[in-house]
Amino acid sequence: MIEFYLILSAVQRNISGMMFWRLLIGTIVMLAAGYSGEAGFVPPMMGFIVGMCGWGFILFEIFMGEAGSVCASGDKVNKHVQASFSTMRFIVTVGWSIYPLGYFFGYLMGAVEDSTLNLVYNLADFVNKIAFCLAIWASAKNSTLEKVEGALLPH
């Protein structure tokens, strides 16, 4: 989740360091709670609910919190960062939904076999992580090309 902070801080130097910590803490809560529920350290439903709260906290931060507001204001970040940020938000919202759905239907309801769920999780990880990196790469590439082309054009 810190990629959101890193991509914004690369183009906007005045970003609060607290954004980094909020995203990191939300991620740790989400992952630790889900793992604790699956491992039996806490009741599975409690792990699910607390994990969903962590995910909800992350979604709030990237849509309505500081990260979302910094990106939404066109004067603070360029159009390439905004496009990348939007793609990354889509991945976190839609792409990541596979994990709580798998936890709920596979682990809590027992409707999906562990081996099938593991395969789905791994495929989701593969797609989500590559898509995240491609979104960041595309933003950096397009932004750099725009600067180079702007420098080469006569003024």
C-alpha atoms as a PDB file:
ATOM      1  CA  MET A   1       0.000   0.000   0.000  1.00  0.00           C
ATOM      2  CA  ILE A   2       2.911   2.310   0.441  1.00  0.00           C
ATOM      3  CA  GLU A   3       3.097   2.559  -3.369  1.00  0.00           C
ATOM      4  CA  PHE A   4       0.265   5.087  -3.127  1.00  0.00           C
ATOM      5  CA  TYR A   5       2.403   7.213  -0.827  1.00  0.00           C
ATOM      6  CA  LEU A   6       5.521   6.746  -2.951  1.00  0.00           C
ATOM      7  CA  ILE A   7       3.908   7.704  -6.254  1.00  0.00           C
ATOM      8  CA  LEU A   8       2.355  10.828  -4.738  1.00  0.00           C
ATOM      9  CA  SER A   9       5.482  11.859  -2.839  1.00  0.00           C
ATOM     10  CA  ALA A  10       7.529  11.561  -6.043  1.00  0.00           C
ATOM     11  CA  VAL A  11       5.591  14.438  -7.585  1.00  0.00           C
ATOM     12  CA  GLN A  12       4.361  16.321  -4.512  1.00  0.00           C
ATOM     13  CA  ARG A  13       7.010  16.962  -1.861  1.00  0.00           C
ATOM     14  CA  ASN A  14       4.632  18.372   0.791  1.00  0.00           C
ATOM     15  CA  ILE A  15       2.804  15.128   1.515  1.00  0.00           C
ATOM     16  CA  SER A  16       2.351  14.206   5.139  1.00  0.00           C
ATOM     17  CA  GLY A  17       4.411  11.304   6.426  1.00  0.00           C
ATOM     18  CA  MET A  18       1.294  10.247   8.314  1.00  0.00           C
ATOM     19  CA  MET A  19      -0.230   9.090   5.025  1.00  0.00           C
ATOM     20  CA  PHE A  20       2.527   6.489   4.815  1.00  0.00           C
ATOM     21  CA  TRP A  21       1.841   5.298   8.358  1.00  0.00           C
ATOM     22  CA  ARG A  22      -1.942   5.171   7.890  1.00  0.00           C
ATOM     23  CA  LEU A  23      -1.585   3.041   4.764  1.00  0.00           C
ATOM     24  CA  LEU A  24       0.986   0.789   6.417  1.00  0.00           C
ATOM     25  CA  ILE A  25      -1.082   0.322   9.582  1.00  0.00           C
ATOM     26  CA  GLY A  26      -4.236  -0.389   7.558  1.00  0.00           C
ATOM     27  CA  THR A  27      -2.330  -3.026   5.597  1.00  0.00           C
ATOM     28  CA  ILE A  28      -0.883  -4.652   8.702  1.00  0.00           C
ATOM     29  CA  VAL A  29      -4.293  -4.765  10.409  1.00  0.00           C
ATOM     30  CA  MET A  30      -5.901  -6.267   7.299  1.00  0.00           C
ATOM     31  CA  LEU A  31      -3.250  -8.949   6.805  1.00  0.00           C
ATOM     32  CA  ALA A  32      -2.647  -9.801  10.460  1.00  0.00           C
ATOM     33  CA  ALA A  33      -6.354 -10.137  11.233  1.00  0.00           C
ATOM     34  CA  GLY A  34      -7.023 -12.348   8.203  1.00  0.00           C
ATOM     35  CA  TYR A  35      -4.044 -14.550   8.993  1.00  0.00           C
ATOM     36  CA  SER A  36      -4.958 -14.749  12.668  1.00  0.00           C
ATOM     37  CA  GLY A  37      -8.482 -15.860  11.794  1.00  0.00           C
ATOM     38  CA  GLU A  38      -7.320 -18.482   9.299  1.00  0.00           C
ATOM     39  CA  ALA A  39      -4.624 -19.776  11.655  1.00  0.00           C
ATOM     40  CA  GLY A  40      -7.088 -20.063  14.528  1.00  0.00           C
ATOM     41  CA  PHE A  41      -5.361 -17.493  16.765  1.00  0.00           C
ATOM     42  CA  VAL A  42      -8.665 -15.600  16.947  1.00  0.00           C
ATOM     43  CA  PRO A  43     -12.202 -16.673  16.047  1.00  0.00           C
ATOM     44  CA  PRO A  44     -12.366 -16.810  12.225  1.00  0.00           C
ATOM     45  CA  MET A  45     -15.316 -14.396  11.953  1.00  0.00           C
ATOM     46  CA  MET A  46     -13.534 -11.863  14.158  1.00  0.00           C
ATOM     47  CA  GLY A  47     -10.439 -12.140  11.940  1.00  0.00           C
ATOM     48  CA  PHE A  48     -12.633 -11.565   8.891  1.00  0.00           C
ATOM     49  CA  ILE A  49     -14.400  -8.526  10.369  1.00  0.00           C
ATOM     50  CA  VAL A  50     -11.215  -6.870  11.629  1.00  0.00           C
ATOM     51  CA  GLY A  51      -9.473  -7.622   8.314  1.00  0.00           C
ATOM     52  CA  MET A  52     -12.373  -6.008   6.455  1.00  0.00           C
ATOM     53  CA  CYS A  53     -12.036  -2.958   8.722  1.00  0.00           C
ATOM     54  CA  GLY A  54      -8.356  -2.719   7.715  1.00  0.00           C
ATOM     55  CA  TRP A  55      -9.307  -2.926   4.039  1.00  0.00           C
ATOM     56  CA  GLY A  56     -12.077  -0.364   4.563  1.00  0.00           C
ATOM     57  CA  PHE A  57      -9.575   1.952   6.234  1.00  0.00           C
ATOM     58  CA  ILE A  58      -7.250   1.653   3.223  1.00  0.00           C
ATOM     59  CA  LEU A  59     -10.119   2.298   0.804  1.00  0.00           C
ATOM     60  CA  PHE A  60     -11.137   5.356   2.812  1.00  0.00           C
ATOM     61  CA  GLU A  61      -7.589   6.731   2.717  1.00  0.00           C
ATOM     62  CA  ILE A  62      -7.141   6.288  -1.048  1.00  0.00           C
ATOM     63  CA  PHE A  63     -10.597   7.610  -1.959  1.00  0.00           C
ATOM     64  CA  MET A  64     -11.594  10.126   0.734  1.00  0.00           C
ATOM     65  CA  GLY A  65      -8.517  10.567   2.922  1.00  0.00           C
ATOM     66  CA  GLU A  66      -5.351  12.547   2.341  1.00  0.00           C
ATOM     67  CA  ALA A  67      -4.115  10.293  -0.477  1.00  0.00           C
ATOM     68  CA  GLY A  68      -7.400  10.622  -2.353  1.00  0.00           C
ATOM     69  CA  SER A  69      -7.572  14.388  -1.902  1.00  0.00           C
ATOM     70  CA  VAL A  70      -3.985  14.969  -2.998  1.00  0.00           C
ATOM     71  CA  CYS A  71      -4.583  12.983  -6.169  1.00  0.00           C
ATOM     72  CA  ALA A  72      -7.985  14.547  -6.858  1.00  0.00           C
ATOM     73  CA  SER A  73      -6.598  18.074  -6.904  1.00  0.00           C
ATOM     74  CA  GLY A  74      -5.150  18.489 -10.385  1.00  0.00           C
ATOM     75  CA  ASP A  75      -2.787  21.243  -9.276  1.00  0.00           C
ATOM     76  CA  LYS A  76      -0.759  18.962  -7.009  1.00  0.00           C
ATOM     77  CA  VAL A  77      -0.126  15.977  -9.313  1.00  0.00           C
ATOM     78  CA  ASN A  78       0.064  15.569 -13.070  1.00  0.00           C
ATOM     79  CA  LYS A  79      -2.432  13.712 -15.253  1.00  0.00           C
ATOM     80  CA  HIS A  80      -0.191  10.641 -15.506  1.00  0.00           C
ATOM     81  CA  VAL A  81      -0.022  10.214 -11.746  1.00  0.00           C
ATOM     82  CA  GLN A  82      -3.779  10.714 -11.534  1.00  0.00           C
ATOM     83  CA  ALA A  83      -4.356   7.996 -14.159  1.00  0.00           C
ATOM     84  CA  SER A  84      -1.988   5.600 -12.378  1.00  0.00           C
ATOM     85  CA  PHE A  85      -3.544   6.370  -9.005  1.00  0.00           C
ATOM     86  CA  SER A  86      -7.003   5.704 -10.439  1.00  0.00           C
ATOM     87  CA  THR A  87      -5.874   2.345 -11.845  1.00  0.00           C
ATOM     88  CA  MET A  88      -4.277   1.413  -8.536  1.00  0.00           C
ATOM     89  CA  ARG A  89      -7.486   2.306  -6.674  1.00  0.00           C
ATOM     90  CA  PHE A  90      -9.443   0.068  -9.049  1.00  0.00           C
ATOM     91  CA  ILE A  91      -7.053  -2.814  -8.356  1.00  0.00           C
ATOM     92  CA  VAL A  92      -7.329  -2.358  -4.589  1.00  0.00           C
ATOM     93  CA  THR A  93     -11.120  -2.133  -4.770  1.00  0.00           C
ATOM     94  CA  VAL A  94     -11.999  -4.767  -7.370  1.00  0.00           C
ATOM     95  CA  GLY A  95      -8.861  -6.881  -7.685  1.00  0.00           C
ATOM     96  CA  TRP A  96      -8.447  -7.270  -3.952  1.00  0.00           C
ATOM     97  CA  SER A  97     -12.076  -8.258  -3.440  1.00  0.00           C
ATOM     98  CA  ILE A  98     -11.065 -11.825  -4.317  1.00  0.00           C
ATOM     99  CA  TYR A  99      -9.328 -12.191  -0.942  1.00  0.00           C
ATOM    100  CA  PRO A 100     -12.239 -11.422   1.406  1.00  0.00           C
ATOM    101  CA  LEU A 101     -14.600 -13.314  -0.917  1.00  0.00           C
ATOM    102  CA  GLY A 102     -12.286 -16.314  -0.777  1.00  0.00           C
ATOM    103  CA  TYR A 103     -11.966 -16.037   2.995  1.00  0.00           C
ATOM    104  CA  PHE A 104     -15.728 -15.807   3.409  1.00  0.00           C
ATOM    105  CA  PHE A 105     -16.831 -18.482   0.941  1.00  0.00           C
ATOM    106  CA  GLY A 106     -13.812 -20.742   1.242  1.00  0.00           C
ATOM    107  CA  TYR A 107     -12.752 -20.530   4.847  1.00  0.00           C
ATOM    108  CA  LEU A 108     -15.856 -19.428   6.745  1.00  0.00           C
ATOM    109  CA  MET A 109     -18.522 -21.179   4.631  1.00  0.00           C
ATOM    110  CA  GLY A 110     -16.417 -24.140   3.485  1.00  0.00           C
ATOM    111  CA  ALA A 111     -17.856 -23.810  -0.038  1.00  0.00           C
ATOM    112  CA  VAL A 112     -14.464 -23.853  -1.815  1.00  0.00           C
ATOM    113  CA  GLU A 113     -11.693 -26.438  -1.467  1.00  0.00           C
ATOM    114  CA  ASP A 114      -8.398 -25.193  -0.060  1.00  0.00           C
ATOM    115  CA  SER A 115      -6.399 -26.168  -3.160  1.00  0.00           C
ATOM    116  CA  THR A 116      -8.787 -24.282  -5.466  1.00  0.00           C
ATOM    117  CA  LEU A 117      -8.797 -21.261  -3.180  1.00  0.00           C
ATOM    118  CA  ASN A 118      -5.004 -21.301  -3.021  1.00  0.00           C
ATOM    119  CA  LEU A 119      -4.810 -21.361  -6.823  1.00  0.00           C
ATOM    120  CA  VAL A 120      -7.254 -18.441  -7.096  1.00  0.00           C
ATOM    121  CA  TYR A 121      -5.321 -16.455  -4.473  1.00  0.00           C
ATOM    122  CA  ASN A 122      -2.036 -17.027  -6.302  1.00  0.00           C
ATOM    123  CA  LEU A 123      -3.501 -16.035  -9.671  1.00  0.00           C
ATOM    124  CA  ALA A 124      -5.025 -12.913  -8.092  1.00  0.00           C
ATOM    125  CA  ASP A 125      -1.652 -12.042  -6.528  1.00  0.00           C
ATOM    126  CA  PHE A 126       0.037 -12.498  -9.896  1.00  0.00           C
ATOM    127  CA  VAL A 127      -2.431 -10.269 -11.770  1.00  0.00           C
ATOM    128  CA  ASN A 128      -2.805  -7.629  -9.043  1.00  0.00           C
ATOM    129  CA  LYS A 129       0.923  -7.185  -8.418  1.00  0.00           C
ATOM    130  CA  ILE A 130       1.801  -7.009 -12.110  1.00  0.00           C
ATOM    131  CA  ALA A 131      -1.038  -4.565 -12.783  1.00  0.00           C
ATOM    132  CA  PHE A 132       0.122  -2.371  -9.877  1.00  0.00           C
ATOM    133  CA  CYS A 133       3.678  -2.248 -11.210  1.00  0.00           C
ATOM    134  CA  LEU A 134       2.489  -1.579 -14.771  1.00  0.00           C
ATOM    135  CA  ALA A 135       0.323   1.309 -13.580  1.00  0.00           C
ATOM    136  CA  ILE A 136       3.286   2.911 -11.833  1.00  0.00           C
ATOM    137  CA  TRP A 137       5.637   2.226 -14.750  1.00  0.00           C
ATOM    138  CA  ALA A 138       3.185   3.714 -17.279  1.00  0.00           C
ATOM    139  CA  SER A 139       2.841   6.855 -15.175  1.00  0.00           C
ATOM    140  CA  ALA A 140       6.595   7.319 -14.868  1.00  0.00           C
ATOM    141  CA  LYS A 141       7.194   6.597 -18.566  1.00  0.00           C
ATOM    142  CA  ASN A 142       4.472   8.935 -19.821  1.00  0.00           C
ATOM    143  CA  SER A 143       5.438  11.700 -17.436  1.00  0.00           C
ATOM    144  CA  THR A 144       9.104  11.449 -18.444  1.00  0.00           C
ATOM    145  CA  LEU A 145       8.249  11.405 -22.166  1.00  0.00           C
ATOM    146  CA  GLU A 146       6.103  14.498 -21.732  1.00  0.00           C
ATOM    147  CA  LYS A 147       8.952  16.350 -19.999  1.00  0.00           C
ATOM    148  CA  VAL A 148      11.517  15.292 -22.623  1.00  0.00           C
ATOM    149  CA  GLU A 149       9.244  16.219 -25.526  1.00  0.00           C
ATOM    150  CA  GLY A 150       8.448  19.546 -23.845  1.00  0.00           C
ATOM    151  CA  ALA A 151      12.154  20.289 -23.461  1.00  0.00           C
ATOM    152  CA  LEU A 152      12.839  19.480 -27.118  1.00  0.00           C
ATOM    153  CA  LEU A 153      10.073  21.661 -28.534  1.00  0.00           C
ATOM    154  CA  PRO A 154      11.037  25.240 -29.406  1.00  0.00           C
ATOM    155  CA  HIS A 155       9.689  27.799 -26.954  1.00  0.00           C
END
